[in-house]
PDB file of N, CA and C in Angstrom:
ATOM      1  N   MET A   1     -86.205-134.428  80.069  1.00  0.00           N
ATOM      2  CA  MET A   1     -85.886-134.224  81.465  1.00  0.00           C
ATOM      3  C   MET A   1     -84.937-133.034  81.587  1.00  0.00           C
ATOM      4  N   PRO A   2     -85.263-132.065  82.418  1.00  0.00           N
ATOM      5  CA  PRO A   2     -84.376-130.918  82.588  1.00  0.00           C
ATOM      6  C   PRO A   2     -83.047-131.336  83.204  1.00  0.00           C
ATOM      7  N   ARG A   3     -81.942-130.837  82.669  1.00  0.00           N
ATOM      8  CA  ARG A   3     -80.618-131.180  83.180  1.00  0.00           C
ATOM      9  C   ARG A   3     -80.427-130.688  84.613  1.00  0.00           C
ATOM     10  N   SER A   4     -81.127-129.645  84.994  1.00  0.00           N
ATOM     11  CA  SER A   4     -80.962-129.113  86.338  1.00  0.00           C
ATOM     12  C   SER A   4     -81.426-130.095  87.410  1.00  0.00           C
ATOM     13  N   PHE A   5     -82.174-131.115  87.006  1.00  0.00           N
ATOM     14  CA  PHE A   5     -82.660-132.094  87.964  1.00  0.00           C
ATOM     15  C   PHE A   5     -81.763-133.309  88.052  1.00  0.00           C
ATOM     16  N   GLY A   6     -80.575-133.273  87.474  1.00  0.00           N
ATOM     17  CA  GLY A   6     -79.671-134.404  87.568  1.00  0.00           C
ATOM     18  C   GLY A   6     -79.815-135.332  86.388  1.00  0.00           C
ATOM     19  N   SER A   7     -79.014-136.366  86.409  1.00  0.00           N
ATOM     20  CA  SER A   7     -78.949-137.230  85.249  1.00  0.00           C
ATOM     21  C   SER A   7     -79.864-138.437  85.338  1.00  0.00           C
ATOM     22  N   HIS A   8     -80.318-138.808  86.491  1.00  0.00           N
ATOM     23  CA  HIS A   8     -81.156-140.004  86.610  1.00  0.00           C
ATOM     24  C   HIS A   8     -82.629-139.616  86.714  1.00  0.00           C
ATOM     25  N   PRO A   9     -83.515-140.333  86.005  1.00  0.00           N
ATOM     26  CA  PRO A   9     -84.947-139.998  86.028  1.00  0.00           C
ATOM     27  C   PRO A   9     -85.573-140.057  87.423  1.00  0.00           C
ATOM     28  N   VAL A  10     -85.095-140.937  88.294  1.00  0.00           N
ATOM     29  CA  VAL A  10     -85.657-141.025  89.643  1.00  0.00           C
ATOM     30  C   VAL A  10     -85.336-139.753  90.427  1.00  0.00           C
ATOM     31  N   LEU A  11     -84.114-139.275  90.313  1.00  0.00           N
ATOM     32  CA  LEU A  11     -83.743-138.032  90.984  1.00  0.00           C
ATOM     33  C   LEU A  11     -84.532-136.861  90.408  1.00  0.00           C
ATOM     34  N   ALA A  12     -84.671-136.818  89.097  1.00  0.00           N
ATOM     35  CA  ALA A  12     -85.446-135.749  88.466  1.00  0.00           C
ATOM     36  C   ALA A  12     -86.898-135.772  88.944  1.00  0.00           C
ATOM     37  N   CYS A  13     -87.470-136.956  89.036  1.00  0.00           N
ATOM     38  CA  CYS A  13     -88.849-137.090  89.503  1.00  0.00           C
ATOM     39  C   CYS A  13     -88.982-136.593  90.939  1.00  0.00           C
ATOM     40  N   ALA A  14     -88.062-137.008  91.808  1.00  0.00           N
ATOM     41  CA  ALA A  14     -88.123-136.592  93.210  1.00  0.00           C
ATOM     42  C   ALA A  14     -88.050-135.074  93.333  1.00  0.00           C
ATOM     43  N   GLN A  15     -87.155-134.476  92.579  1.00  0.00           N
ATOM     44  CA  GLN A  15     -87.014-133.024  92.658  1.00  0.00           C
ATOM     45  C   GLN A  15     -88.234-132.312  92.069  1.00  0.00           C
ATOM     46  N   GLN A  16     -88.822-132.871  91.026  1.00  0.00           N
ATOM     47  CA  GLN A  16     -90.013-132.262  90.435  1.00  0.00           C
ATOM     48  C   GLN A  16     -91.210-132.370  91.379  1.00  0.00           C
ATOM     49  N   VAL A  17     -91.374-133.514  92.016  1.00  0.00           N
ATOM     50  CA  VAL A  17     -92.470-133.689  92.968  1.00  0.00           C
ATOM     51  C   VAL A  17     -92.322-132.708  94.126  1.00  0.00           C
ATOM     52  N   ARG A  18     -91.094-132.561  94.643  1.00  0.00           N
ATOM     53  CA  ARG A  18     -90.873-131.598  95.718  1.00  0.00           C
ATOM     54  C   ARG A  18     -91.231-130.184  95.276  1.00  0.00           C
ATOM     55  N   ALA A  19     -90.843-129.833  94.063  1.00  0.00           N
ATOM     56  CA  ALA A  19     -91.154-128.496  93.547  1.00  0.00           C
ATOM     57  C   ALA A  19     -92.663-128.314  93.377  1.00  0.00           C
ATOM     58  N   ASP A  20     -93.323-129.328  92.849  1.00  0.00           N
ATOM     59  CA  ASP A  20     -94.775-129.241  92.654  1.00  0.00           C
ATOM     60  C   ASP A  20     -95.511-129.123  93.988  1.00  0.00           C
ATOM     61  N   LEU A  21     -95.071-129.893  94.984  1.00  0.00           N
ATOM     62  CA  LEU A  21     -95.707-129.808  96.301  1.00  0.00           C
ATOM     63  C   LEU A  21     -95.465-128.452  96.945  1.00  0.00           C
ATOM     64  N   ALA A  22     -94.272-127.922  96.785  1.00  0.00           N
ATOM     65  CA  ALA A  22     -93.985-126.595  97.331  1.00  0.00           C
ATOM     66  C   ALA A  22     -94.872-125.539  96.673  1.00  0.00           C
ATOM     67  N   ALA A  23     -95.152-125.712  95.390  1.00  0.00           N
ATOM     68  CA  ALA A  23     -95.956-124.732  94.658  1.00  0.00           C
ATOM     69  C   ALA A  23     -97.410-124.708  95.118  1.00  0.00           C
ATOM     70  N   ILE A  24     -97.904-125.794  95.659  1.00  0.00           N
ATOM     71  CA  ILE A  24     -99.303-125.826  96.098  1.00  0.00           C
ATOM     72  C   ILE A  24     -99.446-125.873  97.619  1.00  0.00           C
ATOM     73  N   ALA A  25     -98.356-125.685  98.337  1.00  0.00           N
ATOM     74  CA  ALA A  25     -98.375-125.809  99.800  1.00  0.00           C
ATOM     75  C   ALA A  25     -99.385-124.882 100.460  1.00  0.00           C
ATOM     76  N   GLU A  26     -99.599-123.736  99.901  1.00  0.00           N
ATOM     77  CA  GLU A  26    -100.496-122.752 100.515  1.00  0.00           C
ATOM     78  C   GLU A  26    -101.869-122.692  99.847  1.00  0.00           C
ATOM     79  N   VAL A  27    -102.129-123.549  98.896  1.00  0.00           N
ATOM     80  CA  VAL A  27    -103.432-123.547  98.228  1.00  0.00           C
ATOM     81  C   VAL A  27    -104.499-124.003  99.229  1.00  0.00           C
ATOM     82  N   PRO A  28    -105.576-123.232  99.387  1.00  0.00           N
ATOM     83  CA  PRO A  28    -106.593-123.597 100.381  1.00  0.00           C
ATOM     84  C   PRO A  28    -107.432-124.799  99.927  1.00  0.00           C
ATOM     85  N   VAL A  29    -107.288-125.904 100.622  1.00  0.00           N
ATOM     86  CA  VAL A  29    -108.057-127.103 100.270  1.00  0.00           C
ATOM     87  C   VAL A  29    -109.505-126.994 100.753  1.00  0.00           C
ATOM     88  N   GLU A  30    -109.745-126.070 101.678  1.00  0.00           N
ATOM     89  CA  GLU A  30    -111.102-125.896 102.201  1.00  0.00           C
ATOM     90  C   GLU A  30    -112.080-125.433 101.128  1.00  0.00           C
ATOM     91  N   LEU A  31    -111.563-124.841 100.066  1.00  0.00           N
ATOM     92  CA  LEU A  31    -112.430-124.335  99.005  1.00  0.00           C
ATOM     93  C   LEU A  31    -112.767-125.384  97.953  1.00  0.00           C
ATOM     94  N   MET A  32    -112.198-126.581  98.110  1.00  0.00           N
ATOM     95  CA  MET A  32    -112.494-127.656  97.159  1.00  0.00           C
ATOM     96  C   MET A  32    -113.922-128.150  97.388  1.00  0.00           C
ATOM     97  N   SER A  33    -114.547-128.625  96.325  1.00  0.00           N
ATOM     98  CA  SER A  33    -115.869-129.226  96.479  1.00  0.00           C
ATOM     99  C   SER A  33    -115.729-130.576  97.177  1.00  0.00           C
ATOM    100  N   ARG A  34    -116.832-131.103  97.645  1.00  0.00           N
ATOM    101  CA  ARG A  34    -116.828-132.408  98.293  1.00  0.00           C
ATOM    102  C   ARG A  34    -116.277-133.467  97.348  1.00  0.00           C
ATOM    103  N   GLU A  35    -116.700-133.423  96.087  1.00  0.00           N
ATOM    104  CA  GLU A  35    -116.239-134.399  95.096  1.00  0.00           C
ATOM    105  C   GLU A  35    -114.734-134.274  94.848  1.00  0.00           C
ATOM    106  N   GLU A  36    -114.254-133.037  94.775  1.00  0.00           N
ATOM    107  CA  GLU A  36    -112.814-132.819  94.577  1.00  0.00           C
ATOM    108  C   GLU A  36    -112.005-133.333  95.758  1.00  0.00           C
ATOM    109  N   LYS A  37    -112.507-133.080  96.975  1.00  0.00           N
ATOM    110  CA  LYS A  37    -111.808-133.578  98.158  1.00  0.00           C
ATOM    111  C   LYS A  37    -111.751-135.104  98.165  1.00  0.00           C
ATOM    112  N   ALA A  38    -112.869-135.731  97.851  1.00  0.00           N
ATOM    113  CA  ALA A  38    -112.916-137.192  97.835  1.00  0.00           C
ATOM    114  C   ALA A  38    -111.937-137.750  96.805  1.00  0.00           C
ATOM    115  N   ALA A  39    -111.958-137.193  95.604  1.00  0.00           N
ATOM    116  CA  ALA A  39    -111.053-137.660  94.548  1.00  0.00           C
ATOM    117  C   ALA A  39    -109.597-137.404  94.909  1.00  0.00           C
ATOM    118  N   ALA A  40    -109.326-136.247  95.490  1.00  0.00           N
ATOM    119  CA  ALA A  40    -107.949-135.899  95.865  1.00  0.00           C
ATOM    120  C   ALA A  40    -107.436-136.802  96.986  1.00  0.00           C
ATOM    121  N   LEU A  41    -108.285-137.110  97.954  1.00  0.00           N
ATOM    122  CA  LEU A  41    -107.872-138.002  99.044  1.00  0.00           C
ATOM    123  C   LEU A  41    -107.506-139.388  98.528  1.00  0.00           C
ATOM    124  N   VAL A  42    -108.320-139.940  97.650  1.00  0.00           N
ATOM    125  CA  VAL A  42    -108.029-141.262  97.088  1.00  0.00           C
ATOM    126  C   VAL A  42    -106.759-141.198  96.245  1.00  0.00           C
ATOM    127  N   ALA A  43    -106.658-140.180  95.404  1.00  0.00           N
ATOM    128  CA  ALA A  43    -105.478-140.051  94.533  1.00  0.00           C
ATOM    129  C   ALA A  43    -104.207-139.859  95.342  1.00  0.00           C
ATOM    130  N   MET A  44    -104.244-139.005  96.356  1.00  0.00           N
ATOM    131  CA  MET A  44    -103.053-138.759  97.159  1.00  0.00           C
ATOM    132  C   MET A  44    -102.652-139.991  97.967  1.00  0.00           C
ATOM    133  N   SER A  45    -103.618-140.777  98.411  1.00  0.00           N
ATOM    134  CA  SER A  45    -103.301-142.018  99.122  1.00  0.00           C
ATOM    135  C   SER A  45    -102.577-142.990  98.207  1.00  0.00           C
ATOM    136  N   THR A  46    -103.043-143.104  96.973  1.00  0.00           N
ATOM    137  CA  THR A  46    -102.380-143.980  96.005  1.00  0.00           C
ATOM    138  C   THR A  46    -100.991-143.454  95.665  1.00  0.00           C
ATOM    139  N   VAL A  47    -100.874-142.145  95.465  1.00  0.00           N
ATOM    140  CA  VAL A  47     -99.574-141.539  95.175  1.00  0.00           C
ATOM    141  C   VAL A  47     -98.599-141.790  96.325  1.00  0.00           C
ATOM    142  N   ALA A  48     -99.069-141.648  97.550  1.00  0.00           N
ATOM    143  CA  ALA A  48     -98.200-141.872  98.712  1.00  0.00           C
ATOM    144  C   ALA A  48     -97.663-143.297  98.724  1.00  0.00           C
ATOM    145  N   ASP A  49     -98.512-144.268  98.411  1.00  0.00           N
ATOM    146  CA  ASP A  49     -98.055-145.664  98.349  1.00  0.00           C
ATOM    147  C   ASP A  49     -97.062-145.870  97.213  1.00  0.00           C
ATOM    148  N   GLN A  50     -97.293-145.221  96.076  1.00  0.00           N
ATOM    149  CA  GLN A  50     -96.367-145.348  94.953  1.00  0.00           C
ATOM    150  C   GLN A  50     -95.014-144.713  95.279  1.00  0.00           C
ATOM    151  N   VAL A  51     -95.029-143.579  95.944  1.00  0.00           N
ATOM    152  CA  VAL A  51     -93.782-142.941  96.353  1.00  0.00           C
ATOM    153  C   VAL A  51     -93.057-143.837  97.352  1.00  0.00           C
ATOM    154  N   GLU A  52     -93.792-144.421  98.266  1.00  0.00           N
ATOM    155  CA  GLU A  52     -93.182-145.311  99.258  1.00  0.00           C
ATOM    156  C   GLU A  52     -92.588-146.548  98.579  1.00  0.00           C
ATOM    157  N   ALA A  53     -93.243-147.057  97.553  1.00  0.00           N
ATOM    158  CA  ALA A  53     -92.697-148.204  96.817  1.00  0.00           C
ATOM    159  C   ALA A  53     -91.339-147.855  96.216  1.00  0.00           C
ATOM    160  N   LEU A  54     -91.227-146.686  95.652  1.00  0.00           N
ATOM    161  CA  LEU A  54     -89.954-146.255  95.072  1.00  0.00           C
ATOM    162  C   LEU A  54     -88.900-146.055  96.155  1.00  0.00           C
ATOM    163  N   ARG A  55     -89.296-145.455  97.274  1.00  0.00           N
ATOM    164  CA  ARG A  55     -88.357-145.253  98.379  1.00  0.00           C
ATOM    165  C   ARG A  55     -87.844-146.589  98.912  1.00  0.00           C
ATOM    166  N   LEU A  56     -88.726-147.575  99.014  1.00  0.00           N
ATOM    167  CA  LEU A  56     -88.315-148.900  99.483  1.00  0.00           C
ATOM    168  C   LEU A  56     -87.362-149.572  98.501  1.00  0.00           C
ATOM    169  N   ARG A  57     -87.625-149.408  97.204  1.00  0.00           N
ATOM    170  CA  ARG A  57     -86.708-149.952  96.194  1.00  0.00           C
ATOM    171  C   ARG A  57     -85.338-149.318  96.315  1.00  0.00           C
ATOM    172  N   LEU A  58     -85.303-148.012  96.482  1.00  0.00           N
ATOM    173  CA  LEU A  58     -84.035-147.307  96.649  1.00  0.00           C
ATOM    174  C   LEU A  58     -83.312-147.763  97.915  1.00  0.00           C
ATOM    175  N   LEU A  59     -84.041-147.879  98.983  1.00  0.00           N
ATOM    176  CA  LEU A  59     -83.451-148.296 100.252  1.00  0.00           C
ATOM    177  C   LEU A  59     -82.833-149.684 100.145  1.00  0.00           C
ATOM    178  N   ALA A  60     -83.541-150.596  99.495  1.00  0.00           N
ATOM    179  CA  ALA A  60     -83.034-151.965  99.333  1.00  0.00           C
ATOM    180  C   ALA A  60     -81.795-152.013  98.439  1.00  0.00           C
ATOM    181  N   ALA A  61     -81.632-151.026  97.588  1.00  0.00           N
ATOM    182  CA  ALA A  61     -80.496-151.008  96.653  1.00  0.00           C
ATOM    183  C   ALA A  61     -79.363-150.097  97.118  1.00  0.00           C
ATOM    184  N   ALA A  62     -79.428-149.593  98.335  1.00  0.00           N
ATOM    185  CA  ALA A  62     -78.482-148.566  98.785  1.00  0.00           C
ATOM    186  C   ALA A  62     -77.391-149.091  99.712  1.00  0.00           C
ATOM    187  N   ASP A  63     -77.047-150.355  99.609  1.00  0.00           N
ATOM    188  CA  ASP A  63     -75.950-150.886 100.428  1.00  0.00           C
ATOM    189  C   ASP A  63     -74.661-150.120 100.176  1.00  0.00           C
ATOM    190  N   ASP A  64     -74.436-149.724  98.922  1.00  0.00           N
ATOM    191  CA  ASP A  64     -73.214-148.995  98.586  1.00  0.00           C
ATOM    192  C   ASP A  64     -73.165-147.625  99.266  1.00  0.00           C
ATOM    193  N   VAL A  65     -74.311-146.997  99.438  1.00  0.00           N
ATOM    194  CA  VAL A  65     -74.379-145.706 100.120  1.00  0.00           C
ATOM    195  C   VAL A  65     -73.971-145.891 101.580  1.00  0.00           C
ATOM    196  N   ALA A  66     -74.506-146.936 102.210  1.00  0.00           N
ATOM    197  CA  ALA A  66     -74.171-147.208 103.610  1.00  0.00           C
ATOM    198  C   ALA A  66     -72.691-147.540 103.764  1.00  0.00           C
ATOM    199  N   ALA A  67     -72.175-148.368 102.867  1.00  0.00           N
ATOM    200  CA  ALA A  67     -70.765-148.761 102.947  1.00  0.00           C
ATOM    201  C   ALA A  67     -69.854-147.544 102.802  1.00  0.00           C
ATOM    202  N   GLU A  68     -70.168-146.678 101.874  1.00  0.00           N
ATOM    203  CA  GLU A  68     -69.367-145.469 101.656  1.00  0.00           C
ATOM    204  C   GLU A  68     -69.324-144.597 102.907  1.00  0.00           C
ATOM    205  N   ALA A  69     -70.438-144.550 103.629  1.00  0.00           N
ATOM    206  CA  ALA A  69     -70.525-143.709 104.827  1.00  0.00           C
ATOM    207  C   ALA A  69     -70.069-144.437 106.084  1.00  0.00           C
ATOM    208  N   GLY A  70     -69.790-145.731 105.967  1.00  0.00           N
ATOM    209  CA  GLY A  70     -69.385-146.502 107.131  1.00  0.00           C
ATOM    210  C   GLY A  70     -70.549-146.892 108.025  1.00  0.00           C
ATOM    211  N   ALA A  71     -71.749-146.875 107.492  1.00  0.00           N
ATOM    212  CA  ALA A  71     -72.933-147.253 108.265  1.00  0.00           C
ATOM    213  C   ALA A  71     -73.148-148.764 108.189  1.00  0.00           C
ATOM    214  N   ARG A  72     -73.839-149.288 109.159  1.00  0.00           N
ATOM    215  CA  ARG A  72     -74.095-150.733 109.210  1.00  0.00           C
ATOM    216  C   ARG A  72     -74.894-151.203 108.008  1.00  0.00           C
ATOM    217  N   ASP A  73     -75.887-150.431 107.627  1.00  0.00           N
ATOM    218  CA  ASP A  73     -76.707-150.746 106.458  1.00  0.00           C
ATOM    219  C   ASP A  73     -77.442-149.484 106.021  1.00  0.00           C
ATOM    220  N   ALA A  74     -78.193-149.602 104.934  1.00  0.00           N
ATOM    221  CA  ALA A  74     -78.871-148.429 104.379  1.00  0.00           C
ATOM    222  C   ALA A  74     -79.928-147.872 105.329  1.00  0.00           C
ATOM    223  N   GLY A  75     -80.569-148.736 106.096  1.00  0.00           N
ATOM    224  CA  GLY A  75     -81.561-148.258 107.055  1.00  0.00           C
ATOM    225  C   GLY A  75     -80.936-147.394 108.131  1.00  0.00           C
ATOM    226  N   ALA A  76     -79.787-147.836 108.652  1.00  0.00           N
ATOM    227  CA  ALA A  76     -79.081-147.050 109.666  1.00  0.00           C
ATOM    228  C   ALA A  76     -78.600-145.732 109.074  1.00  0.00           C
ATOM    229  N   TRP A  77     -78.087-145.778 107.850  1.00  0.00           N
ATOM    230  CA  TRP A  77     -77.624-144.556 107.201  1.00  0.00           C
ATOM    231  C   TRP A  77     -78.771-143.566 107.017  1.00  0.00           C
ATOM    232  N   LEU A  78     -79.917-144.045 106.515  1.00  0.00           N
ATOM    233  CA  LEU A  78     -81.045-143.158 106.258  1.00  0.00           C
ATOM    234  C   LEU A  78     -81.596-142.569 107.553  1.00  0.00           C
ATOM    235  N   ALA A  79     -81.664-143.375 108.599  1.00  0.00           N
ATOM    236  CA  ALA A  79     -82.137-142.866 109.888  1.00  0.00           C
ATOM    237  C   ALA A  79     -81.242-141.727 110.368  1.00  0.00           C
ATOM    238  N   HIS A  80     -79.940-141.907 110.202  1.00  0.00           N
ATOM    239  CA  HIS A  80     -79.002-140.853 110.611  1.00  0.00           C
ATOM    240  C   HIS A  80     -79.174-139.598 109.747  1.00  0.00           C
ATOM    241  N   GLU A  81     -79.235-139.771 108.443  1.00  0.00           N
ATOM    242  CA  GLU A  81     -79.321-138.629 107.520  1.00  0.00           C
ATOM    243  C   GLU A  81     -80.610-137.839 107.668  1.00  0.00           C
ATOM    244  N   THR A  82     -81.698-138.521 107.992  1.00  0.00           N
ATOM    245  CA  THR A  82     -82.997-137.855 108.074  1.00  0.00           C
ATOM    246  C   THR A  82     -83.432-137.587 109.509  1.00  0.00           C
ATOM    247  N   ARG A  83     -82.572-137.955 110.468  1.00  0.00           N
ATOM    248  CA  ARG A  83     -82.905-137.849 111.887  1.00  0.00           C
ATOM    249  C   ARG A  83     -84.199-138.600 112.185  1.00  0.00           C
ATOM    250  N   GLY A  84     -84.342-139.752 111.502  1.00  0.00           N
ATOM    251  CA  GLY A  84     -85.537-140.572 111.655  1.00  0.00           C
ATOM    252  C   GLY A  84     -85.338-141.688 112.669  1.00  0.00           C
ATOM    253  N   ASP A  85     -86.354-142.465 112.823  1.00  0.00           N
ATOM    254  CA  ASP A  85     -86.334-143.583 113.760  1.00  0.00           C
ATOM    255  C   ASP A  85     -85.583-144.764 113.144  1.00  0.00           C
ATOM    256  N   ARG A  86     -84.548-145.221 113.817  1.00  0.00           N
ATOM    257  CA  ARG A  86     -83.714-146.302 113.296  1.00  0.00           C
ATOM    258  C   ARG A  86     -84.507-147.591 113.132  1.00  0.00           C
ATOM    259  N   ARG A  87     -85.350-147.915 114.102  1.00  0.00           N
ATOM    260  CA  ARG A  87     -86.148-149.151 114.003  1.00  0.00           C
ATOM    261  C   ARG A  87     -87.106-149.105 112.822  1.00  0.00           C
ATOM    262  N   GLU A  88     -87.696-147.951 112.575  1.00  0.00           N
ATOM    263  CA  GLU A  88     -88.609-147.811 111.438  1.00  0.00           C
ATOM    264  C   GLU A  88     -87.857-147.986 110.119  1.00  0.00           C
ATOM    265  N   GLN A  89     -86.682-147.412 110.025  1.00  0.00           N
ATOM    266  CA  GLN A  89     -85.887-147.550 108.800  1.00  0.00           C
ATOM    267  C   GLN A  89     -85.411-148.992 108.604  1.00  0.00           C
ATOM    268  N   GLN A  90     -85.100-149.678 109.693  1.00  0.00           N
ATOM    269  CA  GLN A  90     -84.712-151.084 109.593  1.00  0.00           C
ATOM    270  C   GLN A  90     -85.893-151.917 109.099  1.00  0.00           C
ATOM    271  N   ARG A  91     -87.066-151.622 109.607  1.00  0.00           N
ATOM    272  CA  ARG A  91     -88.282-152.326 109.172  1.00  0.00           C
ATOM    273  C   ARG A  91     -88.531-152.064 107.684  1.00  0.00           C
ATOM    274  N   ASP A  92     -88.342-150.826 107.268  1.00  0.00           N
ATOM    275  CA  ASP A  92     -88.523-150.490 105.859  1.00  0.00           C
ATOM    276  C   ASP A  92     -87.464-151.158 104.984  1.00  0.00           C
ATOM    277  N   LEU A  93     -86.247-151.248 105.477  1.00  0.00           N
ATOM    278  CA  LEU A  93     -85.192-151.932 104.725  1.00  0.00           C
ATOM    279  C   LEU A  93     -85.550-153.395 104.537  1.00  0.00           C
ATOM    280  N   ARG A  94     -86.040-154.039 105.581  1.00  0.00           N
ATOM    281  CA  ARG A  94     -86.453-155.450 105.451  1.00  0.00           C
ATOM    282  C   ARG A  94     -87.587-155.594 104.443  1.00  0.00           C
ATOM    283  N   LEU A  95     -88.559-154.679 104.480  1.00  0.00           N
ATOM    284  CA  LEU A  95     -89.662-154.735 103.525  1.00  0.00           C
ATOM    285  C   LEU A  95     -89.165-154.502 102.110  1.00  0.00           C
ATOM    286  N   GLY A  96     -88.336-153.495 101.917  1.00  0.00           N
ATOM    287  CA  GLY A  96     -87.806-153.217 100.581  1.00  0.00           C
ATOM    288  C   GLY A  96     -87.017-154.391 100.029  1.00  0.00           C
ATOM    289  N   THR A  97     -86.223-155.028 100.881  1.00  0.00           N
ATOM    290  CA  THR A  97     -85.452-156.193 100.463  1.00  0.00           C
ATOM    291  C   THR A  97     -86.377-157.353 100.117  1.00  0.00           C
ATOM    292  N   ALA A  98     -87.393-157.577 100.933  1.00  0.00           N
ATOM    293  CA  ALA A  98     -88.354-158.657 100.653  1.00  0.00           C
ATOM    294  C   ALA A  98     -89.082-158.418  99.333  1.00  0.00           C
ATOM    295  N   LEU A  99     -89.466-157.179  99.077  1.00  0.00           N
ATOM    296  CA  LEU A  99     -90.157-156.867  97.813  1.00  0.00           C
ATOM    297  C   LEU A  99     -89.224-157.040  96.617  1.00  0.00           C
ATOM    298  N   ALA A 100     -87.955-156.753  96.800  1.00  0.00           N
ATOM    299  CA  ALA A 100     -86.994-156.864  95.702  1.00  0.00           C
ATOM    300  C   ALA A 100     -86.576-158.305  95.446  1.00  0.00           C
ATOM    301  N   GLU A 101     -86.478-159.095  96.507  1.00  0.00           N
ATOM    302  CA  GLU A 101     -85.914-160.429  96.362  1.00  0.00           C
ATOM    303  C   GLU A 101     -86.940-161.545  96.268  1.00  0.00           C
ATOM    304  N   ARG A 102     -88.023-161.455  97.011  1.00  0.00           N
ATOM    305  CA  ARG A 102     -88.969-162.568  97.049  1.00  0.00           C
ATOM    306  C   ARG A 102     -90.366-162.194  96.569  1.00  0.00           C
ATOM    307  N   TRP A 103     -90.789-161.015  96.845  1.00  0.00           N
ATOM    308  CA  TRP A 103     -92.168-160.604  96.591  1.00  0.00           C
ATOM    309  C   TRP A 103     -92.241-159.553  95.487  1.00  0.00           C
ATOM    310  N   GLN A 104     -91.628-159.827  94.350  1.00  0.00           N
ATOM    311  CA  GLN A 104     -91.570-158.856  93.258  1.00  0.00           C
ATOM    312  C   GLN A 104     -92.956-158.458  92.743  1.00  0.00           C
ATOM    313  N   GLN A 105     -93.889-159.398  92.693  1.00  0.00           N
ATOM    314  CA  GLN A 105     -95.229-159.053  92.206  1.00  0.00           C
ATOM    315  C   GLN A 105     -95.942-158.113  93.173  1.00  0.00           C
ATOM    316  N   VAL A 106     -95.734-158.305  94.456  1.00  0.00           N
ATOM    317  CA  VAL A 106     -96.306-157.389  95.449  1.00  0.00           C
ATOM    318  C   VAL A 106     -95.669-156.010  95.287  1.00  0.00           C
ATOM    319  N   GLY A 107     -94.362-155.988  95.091  1.00  0.00           N
ATOM    320  CA  GLY A 107     -93.670-154.715  94.868  1.00  0.00           C
ATOM    321  C   GLY A 107     -94.159-154.008  93.620  1.00  0.00           C
ATOM    322  N   ALA A 108     -94.392-154.774  92.563  1.00  0.00           N
ATOM    323  CA  ALA A 108     -94.914-154.186  91.325  1.00  0.00           C
ATOM    324  C   ALA A 108     -96.313-153.631  91.548  1.00  0.00           C
ATOM    325  N   GLY A 109     -97.132-154.338  92.310  1.00  0.00           N
ATOM    326  CA  GLY A 109     -98.477-153.854  92.624  1.00  0.00           C
ATOM    327  C   GLY A 109     -98.443-152.583  93.447  1.00  0.00           C
ATOM    328  N   LEU A 110     -97.513-152.520  94.386  1.00  0.00           N
ATOM    329  CA  LEU A 110     -97.358-151.312  95.197  1.00  0.00           C
ATOM    330  C   LEU A 110     -96.919-150.141  94.319  1.00  0.00           C
ATOM    331  N   ALA A 111     -96.007-150.396  93.398  1.00  0.00           N
ATOM    332  CA  ALA A 111     -95.502-149.343  92.517  1.00  0.00           C
ATOM    333  C   ALA A 111     -96.571-148.789  91.583  1.00  0.00           C
ATOM    334  N   THR A 112     -97.531-149.612  91.202  1.00  0.00           N
ATOM    335  CA  THR A 112     -98.588-149.151  90.289  1.00  0.00           C
ATOM    336  C   THR A 112     -99.823-148.638  91.021  1.00  0.00           C
ATOM    337  N   GLY A 113     -99.859-148.835  92.333  1.00  0.00           N
ATOM    338  CA  GLY A 113    -101.019-148.388  93.095  1.00  0.00           C
ATOM    339  C   GLY A 113    -102.089-149.450  93.253  1.00  0.00           C
ATOM    340  N   ALA A 114    -101.834-150.665  92.772  1.00  0.00           N
ATOM    341  CA  ALA A 114    -102.814-151.746  92.890  1.00  0.00           C
ATOM    342  C   ALA A 114    -102.798-152.379  94.276  1.00  0.00           C
ATOM    343  N   VAL A 115    -101.688-152.237  94.993  1.00  0.00           N
ATOM    344  CA  VAL A 115    -101.536-152.771  96.345  1.00  0.00           C
ATOM    345  C   VAL A 115    -101.201-151.599  97.262  1.00  0.00           C
ATOM    346  N   HIS A 116    -101.812-151.573  98.424  1.00  0.00           N
ATOM    347  CA  HIS A 116    -101.524-150.530  99.403  1.00  0.00           C
ATOM    348  C   HIS A 116    -100.331-150.950 100.254  1.00  0.00           C
ATOM    349  N   LEU A 117     -99.652-149.985 100.836  1.00  0.00           N
ATOM    350  CA  LEU A 117     -98.474-150.248 101.649  1.00  0.00           C
ATOM    351  C   LEU A 117     -98.791-151.210 102.792  1.00  0.00           C
ATOM    352  N   THR A 118     -99.902-150.997 103.456  1.00  0.00           N
ATOM    353  CA  THR A 118    -100.263-151.887 104.561  1.00  0.00           C
ATOM    354  C   THR A 118    -100.471-153.312 104.071  1.00  0.00           C
ATOM    355  N   GLN A 119    -101.082-153.464 102.918  1.00  0.00           N
ATOM    356  CA  GLN A 119    -101.262-154.799 102.350  1.00  0.00           C
ATOM    357  C   GLN A 119     -99.898-155.436 102.045  1.00  0.00           C
ATOM    358  N   ALA A 120     -98.992-154.679 101.498  1.00  0.00           N
ATOM    359  CA  ALA A 120     -97.659-155.206 101.187  1.00  0.00           C
ATOM    360  C   ALA A 120     -96.951-155.656 102.455  1.00  0.00           C
ATOM    361  N   ARG A 121     -97.080-154.884 103.524  1.00  0.00           N
ATOM    362  CA  ARG A 121     -96.440-155.266 104.795  1.00  0.00           C
ATOM    363  C   ARG A 121     -97.022-156.582 105.311  1.00  0.00           C
ATOM    364  N   VAL A 122     -98.351-156.725 105.252  1.00  0.00           N
ATOM    365  CA  VAL A 122     -99.004-157.937 105.757  1.00  0.00           C
ATOM    366  C   VAL A 122     -98.612-159.140 104.902  1.00  0.00           C
ATOM    367  N   ILE A 123     -98.636-158.999 103.596  1.00  0.00           N
ATOM    368  CA  ILE A 123     -98.314-160.111 102.703  1.00  0.00           C
ATOM    369  C   ILE A 123     -96.881-160.579 102.913  1.00  0.00           C
ATOM    370  N   THR A 124     -95.952-159.664 102.973  1.00  0.00           N
ATOM    371  CA  THR A 124     -94.545-160.065 103.108  1.00  0.00           C
ATOM    372  C   THR A 124     -94.227-160.569 104.506  1.00  0.00           C
ATOM    373  N   HIS A 125     -94.986-160.151 105.482  1.00  0.00           N
ATOM    374  CA  HIS A 125     -94.743-160.594 106.848  1.00  0.00           C
ATOM    375  C   HIS A 125     -95.347-161.972 107.129  1.00  0.00           C
ATOM    376  N   ALA A 126     -96.457-162.286 106.456  1.00  0.00           N
ATOM    377  CA  ALA A 126     -97.179-163.543 106.722  1.00  0.00           C
ATOM    378  C   ALA A 126     -96.389-164.778 106.377  1.00  0.00           C
TER     379      ALA A 126
END
């Protein structure tokens, strides 16, 4: 792991993914074959769910971040930091907490790409 990406593998991964996405931001997808587009769409959908699984795990474990900033909870802190929707972040915090505390197998499935985000939301909500 390059030291320039920080000391924790999750931070290094996030920074590497951002760099990789920036490197292909202007690549013309219109020139891909039909088969390449189909494969890329499925792969990117799975990757998006896996990234979301990691983000939810981080959110559920970020009470200390919220406390340090004086925020009510990690969802409120993240909404403020990202100028995002507070209700959406609260919903994500509840999901991340449910996956961490009660629905670990669903969380593991989401992390590996075996479960989609929408499926995880339905299972934990039911």
